[in-house]
N, C-alpha and C. Protein backbone atom coordinates (compact mmCIF):
# COMPACT_ATOMS: atom_id res chain seq x y z
N GLN A 1 1.12 11.07 -86.55
CA GLN A 1 2.41 10.04 -86.48
C GLN A 1 3.02 10.88 -86.11
N VAL A 2 4.07 10.39 -85.02
CA VAL A 2 5.26 11.04 -84.57
C VAL A 2 6.28 10.61 -85.40
N GLN A 3 7.03 11.63 -85.80
CA GLN A 3 8.31 11.04 -86.13
C GLN A 3 9.63 11.70 -85.57
N LEU A 4 10.73 11.16 -85.40
CA LEU A 4 11.70 10.82 -84.43
C LEU A 4 13.18 11.61 -85.08
N VAL A 5 13.71 12.55 -85.21
CA VAL A 5 14.95 12.55 -85.85
C VAL A 5 16.08 12.57 -84.90
N GLU A 6 17.11 12.09 -84.72
CA GLU A 6 18.44 12.07 -84.06
C GLU A 6 19.26 12.96 -84.75
N SER A 7 20.32 13.76 -84.17
CA SER A 7 21.52 14.28 -84.74
C SER A 7 22.74 14.39 -83.57
N GLY A 8 23.77 14.76 -84.10
CA GLY A 8 24.59 15.19 -82.80
C GLY A 8 25.64 13.99 -82.65
N GLY A 9 25.27 13.10 -83.39
CA GLY A 9 26.12 12.01 -83.01
C GLY A 9 27.62 12.64 -84.52
N GLY A 10 29.05 11.63 -83.62
CA GLY A 10 30.06 11.56 -85.02
C GLY A 10 31.32 11.03 -84.17
N SER A 11 32.49 11.45 -84.35
CA SER A 11 33.48 10.74 -84.01
C SER A 11 34.18 11.66 -82.67
N VAL A 12 34.52 11.40 -81.46
CA VAL A 12 35.04 11.76 -80.37
C VAL A 12 36.34 11.13 -79.91
N GLN A 13 37.27 11.76 -79.60
CA GLN A 13 38.25 11.00 -78.62
C GLN A 13 37.72 10.44 -77.25
N ALA A 14 38.21 9.50 -76.99
CA ALA A 14 38.04 9.55 -75.26
C ALA A 14 38.43 10.83 -74.34
N GLY A 15 37.49 10.78 -73.01
CA GLY A 15 37.51 11.69 -72.56
C GLY A 15 36.68 12.96 -73.03
N GLY A 16 36.19 12.83 -74.60
CA GLY A 16 35.63 14.47 -74.84
C GLY A 16 33.99 14.03 -74.95
N SER A 17 33.63 15.23 -75.50
CA SER A 17 32.22 15.32 -74.95
C SER A 17 31.31 15.33 -76.37
N LEU A 18 29.99 14.83 -76.62
CA LEU A 18 29.37 14.76 -77.57
C LEU A 18 27.70 15.86 -76.64
N ARG A 19 26.35 16.15 -77.88
CA ARG A 19 25.47 16.49 -77.38
C ARG A 19 24.48 16.04 -78.08
N LEU A 20 23.32 15.17 -78.33
CA LEU A 20 22.60 14.21 -79.20
C LEU A 20 21.46 15.03 -79.07
N SER A 21 20.60 15.37 -79.94
CA SER A 21 19.23 15.86 -80.19
C SER A 21 18.29 15.12 -80.71
N CYS A 22 17.12 15.40 -79.94
CA CYS A 22 16.10 14.65 -80.72
C CYS A 22 14.86 15.20 -81.48
N ALA A 23 14.31 15.24 -82.57
CA ALA A 23 13.06 16.23 -82.80
C ALA A 23 12.39 15.37 -83.11
N ALA A 24 11.17 16.00 -82.73
CA ALA A 24 9.52 15.11 -82.71
C ALA A 24 8.69 16.10 -83.67
N SER A 25 8.39 15.26 -84.29
CA SER A 25 7.16 15.99 -85.09
C SER A 25 5.53 15.24 -84.64
N GLY A 26 4.85 16.07 -84.72
CA GLY A 26 3.69 15.48 -84.82
C GLY A 26 3.51 14.89 -83.49
N GLY A 27 2.05 14.50 -82.81
CA GLY A 27 1.89 13.95 -81.65
C GLY A 27 1.89 14.60 -80.65
N ARG A 28 1.87 13.84 -79.74
CA ARG A 28 1.71 15.12 -78.06
C ARG A 28 2.60 14.98 -77.42
N PHE A 29 4.24 15.49 -77.82
CA PHE A 29 5.13 15.43 -77.36
C PHE A 29 5.36 15.51 -75.58
N SER A 30 4.65 16.64 -75.22
CA SER A 30 4.52 16.97 -73.74
C SER A 30 4.10 15.81 -73.12
N THR A 31 3.40 14.68 -73.51
CA THR A 31 2.90 13.64 -72.38
C THR A 31 3.17 12.46 -73.09
N TYR A 32 4.64 12.74 -73.91
CA TYR A 32 5.28 11.12 -73.76
C TYR A 32 6.49 11.19 -72.68
N HIS A 33 6.79 10.04 -72.60
CA HIS A 33 8.30 9.83 -71.69
C HIS A 33 9.12 9.99 -73.26
N MET A 34 10.37 9.78 -72.55
CA MET A 34 10.65 9.79 -73.76
C MET A 34 12.25 8.89 -73.43
N SER A 35 13.24 8.31 -74.01
CA SER A 35 14.59 7.68 -73.89
C SER A 35 15.64 7.48 -74.95
N TRP A 36 16.79 7.46 -74.39
CA TRP A 36 17.47 7.11 -75.29
C TRP A 36 18.13 5.81 -75.13
N TYR A 37 18.07 5.20 -76.16
CA TYR A 37 18.90 3.38 -76.39
C TYR A 37 20.08 3.87 -76.85
N ARG A 38 21.07 2.76 -77.22
CA ARG A 38 22.25 2.72 -77.60
C ARG A 38 22.24 1.40 -78.03
N GLN A 39 22.51 0.99 -79.32
CA GLN A 39 23.02 -0.70 -79.75
C GLN A 39 24.48 -0.60 -80.67
N ALA A 40 25.44 -1.36 -79.92
CA ALA A 40 26.86 -1.89 -80.07
C ALA A 40 26.98 -2.85 -80.91
N PRO A 41 27.35 -2.67 -82.45
CA PRO A 41 27.65 -4.08 -82.73
C PRO A 41 27.67 -5.51 -81.98
N GLY A 42 26.90 -6.18 -82.74
CA GLY A 42 27.25 -7.77 -82.15
C GLY A 42 26.77 -7.62 -80.46
N LYS A 43 25.67 -6.26 -80.00
CA LYS A 43 25.17 -6.41 -78.65
C LYS A 43 23.42 -6.14 -78.86
N GLN A 44 23.19 -6.35 -77.69
CA GLN A 44 21.37 -5.84 -77.69
C GLN A 44 21.32 -4.51 -77.38
N ARG A 45 20.20 -4.12 -77.75
CA ARG A 45 20.23 -2.29 -77.31
C ARG A 45 20.09 -2.39 -75.77
N GLU A 46 20.87 -1.12 -75.08
CA GLU A 46 20.73 -1.11 -74.11
C GLU A 46 20.22 0.63 -73.77
N LEU A 47 19.24 0.44 -72.75
CA LEU A 47 18.45 1.74 -72.02
C LEU A 47 19.90 2.56 -71.47
N VAL A 48 19.77 3.88 -72.20
CA VAL A 48 21.00 4.84 -71.97
C VAL A 48 20.16 5.61 -70.56
N ALA A 49 19.23 6.12 -70.54
CA ALA A 49 18.57 7.35 -69.93
C ALA A 49 17.68 7.57 -70.85
N THR A 50 16.18 7.95 -69.27
CA THR A 50 14.78 8.39 -69.88
C THR A 50 14.56 9.84 -69.41
N ILE A 51 13.67 10.37 -69.67
CA ILE A 51 12.97 11.11 -68.97
C ILE A 51 11.27 11.16 -68.97
N THR A 52 10.33 10.92 -67.87
CA THR A 52 9.38 11.04 -67.63
C THR A 52 8.70 12.52 -68.21
N ARG A 53 6.96 12.53 -68.74
CA ARG A 53 6.38 13.15 -69.02
C ARG A 53 6.57 14.53 -67.82
N ASN A 54 6.90 13.77 -66.76
CA ASN A 54 7.25 15.07 -65.58
C ASN A 54 8.58 15.33 -65.24
N GLY A 55 9.55 15.09 -65.73
CA GLY A 55 10.70 15.65 -66.09
C GLY A 55 11.51 14.78 -65.28
N ILE A 56 10.98 13.59 -64.64
CA ILE A 56 11.98 13.25 -63.98
C ILE A 56 12.92 12.01 -64.28
N THR A 57 14.33 12.21 -64.45
CA THR A 57 15.56 11.36 -65.10
C THR A 57 15.82 10.26 -64.68
N ASN A 58 16.28 9.56 -64.81
CA ASN A 58 17.20 8.23 -64.43
C ASN A 58 18.34 8.09 -65.82
N CYS A 59 19.25 7.85 -65.22
CA CYS A 59 20.36 6.84 -66.61
C CYS A 59 20.89 5.63 -66.17
N ALA A 60 21.16 4.88 -66.77
CA ALA A 60 21.85 3.63 -66.70
C ALA A 60 23.28 3.76 -65.67
N ASP A 61 23.51 2.83 -65.28
CA ASP A 61 24.52 2.87 -64.24
C ASP A 61 25.77 3.32 -65.05
N SER A 62 26.02 2.82 -66.25
CA SER A 62 27.25 3.22 -66.76
C SER A 62 27.34 4.05 -67.38
N VAL A 63 26.57 4.96 -67.36
CA VAL A 63 26.77 6.43 -68.10
C VAL A 63 26.39 7.59 -66.85
N LYS A 64 26.16 6.80 -65.43
CA LYS A 64 25.20 8.27 -64.29
C LYS A 64 26.72 8.65 -64.12
N GLY A 65 26.53 10.04 -63.96
CA GLY A 65 27.64 10.70 -63.51
C GLY A 65 28.20 11.64 -64.80
N ARG A 66 27.81 11.03 -66.17
CA ARG A 66 28.73 11.09 -67.17
C ARG A 66 27.54 11.91 -68.65
N PHE A 67 26.37 11.10 -68.08
CA PHE A 67 25.73 11.63 -69.45
C PHE A 67 24.16 12.27 -68.67
N THR A 68 23.71 13.31 -69.23
CA THR A 68 22.43 13.88 -68.58
C THR A 68 21.32 13.57 -69.90
N ILE A 69 20.27 13.57 -69.24
CA ILE A 69 19.32 13.35 -70.49
C ILE A 69 18.11 14.97 -70.07
N SER A 70 17.92 15.26 -71.03
CA SER A 70 16.68 16.88 -70.84
C SER A 70 15.95 16.80 -72.16
N ARG A 71 14.55 17.57 -72.04
CA ARG A 71 13.53 17.89 -73.03
C ARG A 71 13.38 19.18 -72.84
N ASP A 72 12.79 19.81 -73.89
CA ASP A 72 12.19 20.78 -74.24
C ASP A 72 10.45 20.54 -74.72
N ASN A 73 9.75 20.79 -74.13
CA ASN A 73 8.74 20.60 -74.82
C ASN A 73 8.10 22.09 -75.71
N GLY A 74 8.33 22.87 -75.31
CA GLY A 74 8.01 23.73 -76.56
C GLY A 74 8.83 23.41 -77.27
N LYS A 75 9.76 22.84 -77.83
CA LYS A 75 10.52 22.96 -78.91
C LYS A 75 10.41 21.44 -79.18
N LYS A 76 9.90 21.09 -78.37
CA LYS A 76 9.26 19.19 -78.87
C LYS A 76 10.97 18.49 -79.46
N MET A 77 11.88 18.97 -78.30
CA MET A 77 13.01 18.24 -78.50
C MET A 77 13.80 17.07 -77.14
N VAL A 78 14.82 16.54 -76.88
CA VAL A 78 15.03 15.68 -75.93
C VAL A 78 16.73 15.61 -76.47
N TYR A 79 17.20 15.86 -75.49
CA TYR A 79 19.04 15.56 -75.32
C TYR A 79 19.58 15.12 -74.95
N LEU A 80 20.53 14.61 -75.45
CA LEU A 80 21.51 13.62 -74.63
C LEU A 80 23.22 14.38 -74.44
N GLN A 81 23.06 14.68 -73.46
CA GLN A 81 25.11 15.29 -72.95
C GLN A 81 25.69 14.22 -72.66
N MET A 82 26.81 14.18 -73.17
CA MET A 82 27.75 12.74 -72.91
C MET A 82 28.77 13.10 -73.13
N ASN A 83 29.72 13.52 -71.65
CA ASN A 83 30.55 13.80 -71.20
C ASN A 83 31.82 12.42 -70.48
N SER A 84 32.69 13.20 -70.65
CA SER A 84 33.87 11.88 -69.97
C SER A 84 33.24 10.70 -70.92
N LEU A 85 33.67 10.95 -72.46
CA LEU A 85 33.23 9.44 -73.55
C LEU A 85 33.86 8.47 -73.09
N LYS A 86 33.89 7.55 -73.41
CA LYS A 86 34.58 5.86 -73.23
C LYS A 86 34.53 5.59 -75.07
N PRO A 87 35.61 4.95 -74.80
CA PRO A 87 35.22 3.79 -76.34
C PRO A 87 33.85 3.08 -76.36
N GLU A 88 34.03 2.22 -75.07
CA GLU A 88 32.58 1.19 -74.67
C GLU A 88 31.38 2.14 -74.72
N ASP A 89 31.60 3.74 -75.15
CA ASP A 89 30.38 3.73 -75.07
C ASP A 89 29.79 4.53 -77.06
N THR A 90 30.60 3.63 -77.84
CA THR A 90 30.78 3.48 -79.28
C THR A 90 29.66 2.41 -79.55
N ALA A 91 28.55 2.92 -80.32
CA ALA A 91 27.17 2.89 -80.46
C ALA A 91 26.21 3.46 -81.59
N VAL A 92 25.26 2.85 -81.93
CA VAL A 92 24.20 3.80 -82.87
C VAL A 92 23.42 4.37 -81.29
N TYR A 93 22.99 5.41 -81.59
CA TYR A 93 22.36 5.74 -80.20
C TYR A 93 20.62 6.25 -81.16
N TYR A 94 19.87 5.81 -80.27
CA TYR A 94 18.27 6.01 -80.79
C TYR A 94 17.74 6.78 -79.97
N CYS A 95 16.52 7.41 -80.22
CA CYS A 95 15.48 8.13 -79.16
C CYS A 95 14.11 7.14 -79.65
N ALA A 96 13.59 7.29 -78.66
CA ALA A 96 12.25 6.72 -78.54
C ALA A 96 11.32 7.28 -77.65
N ALA A 97 10.21 7.37 -78.39
CA ALA A 97 8.82 7.87 -77.01
C ALA A 97 7.73 7.47 -77.49
N GLY A 98 7.08 7.59 -76.28
CA GLY A 98 5.15 6.53 -75.93
C GLY A 98 4.69 7.44 -75.10
N PRO A 99 3.26 7.19 -74.40
CA PRO A 99 2.57 7.34 -73.09
C PRO A 99 2.57 6.65 -72.19
N ARG A 100 3.17 5.04 -73.00
CA ARG A 100 3.31 4.26 -72.04
C ARG A 100 5.02 3.89 -71.09
N TYR A 101 5.70 4.15 -70.15
CA TYR A 101 6.74 3.86 -69.69
C TYR A 101 7.69 2.98 -70.13
N GLY A 102 8.75 3.15 -70.72
CA GLY A 102 9.52 1.81 -71.16
C GLY A 102 8.69 1.20 -72.52
N ASP A 103 7.42 1.65 -73.14
CA ASP A 103 7.07 0.47 -74.16
C ASP A 103 6.95 1.83 -75.22
N TYR A 104 8.07 1.61 -75.88
CA TYR A 104 7.80 2.86 -76.85
C TYR A 104 7.35 2.67 -78.05
N ASP A 105 6.84 3.39 -78.78
CA ASP A 105 5.45 3.24 -79.98
C ASP A 105 6.58 3.89 -81.12
N TYR A 106 7.41 5.33 -80.50
CA TYR A 106 8.63 5.40 -81.65
C TYR A 106 9.33 5.61 -81.52
N TRP A 107 10.29 5.86 -82.71
CA TRP A 107 11.93 5.19 -82.53
C TRP A 107 12.49 6.47 -83.54
N GLY A 108 13.50 6.61 -83.28
CA GLY A 108 14.26 7.53 -84.54
C GLY A 108 15.22 6.50 -85.24
N GLN A 109 15.79 6.75 -86.04
CA GLN A 109 16.59 6.42 -87.25
C GLN A 109 17.88 5.83 -86.96
N GLY A 110 18.72 6.55 -85.77
CA GLY A 110 19.71 6.42 -84.70
C GLY A 110 20.83 6.72 -85.31
N THR A 111 21.79 8.11 -84.66
CA THR A 111 22.73 8.38 -85.32
C THR A 111 23.92 7.82 -84.46
N GLN A 112 25.08 7.89 -84.84
CA GLN A 112 26.17 6.96 -84.63
C GLN A 112 27.24 7.48 -84.26
N VAL A 113 27.88 7.04 -82.43
CA VAL A 113 28.47 8.04 -82.07
C VAL A 113 30.34 7.17 -81.72
N THR A 114 31.33 7.75 -82.16
CA THR A 114 32.05 6.57 -82.51
C THR A 114 33.51 7.45 -81.04
N VAL A 115 33.67 6.30 -80.14
CA VAL A 115 34.76 6.97 -79.23
C VAL A 115 36.23 6.06 -79.70
N SER A 116 36.70 7.50 -79.36
CA SER A 116 38.10 6.12 -80.06
C SER A 116 38.66 6.59 -78.85
N SER A 117 39.97 5.56 -78.79
CA SER A 117 41.69 5.81 -77.24
C SER A 117 42.05 6.41 -77.77
């Protein structure tokens, strides 16, 4: 069974930066596609960024140029570097993993990111 644990969330002023981390245990991490999602209060869950098992990355238009996803297979970690944060980035951020792109079997518990203006 794969477990995902997010960390690095917090409160920051607009324009600031945060780095989210997701630690995986169990499973075959290097074979998984990994994504970050977020969900703001009263809104649907939104895909933020994806990194495939081959290292190909993609980000939502709303965060392109500000957020960067990366992974370290040796450490079984995935990261989301968030720069130039905006109040609309406020949400709970979730890490997701699985062997099928966009159809994830494993989810973390989430970490809160709050951006104040």
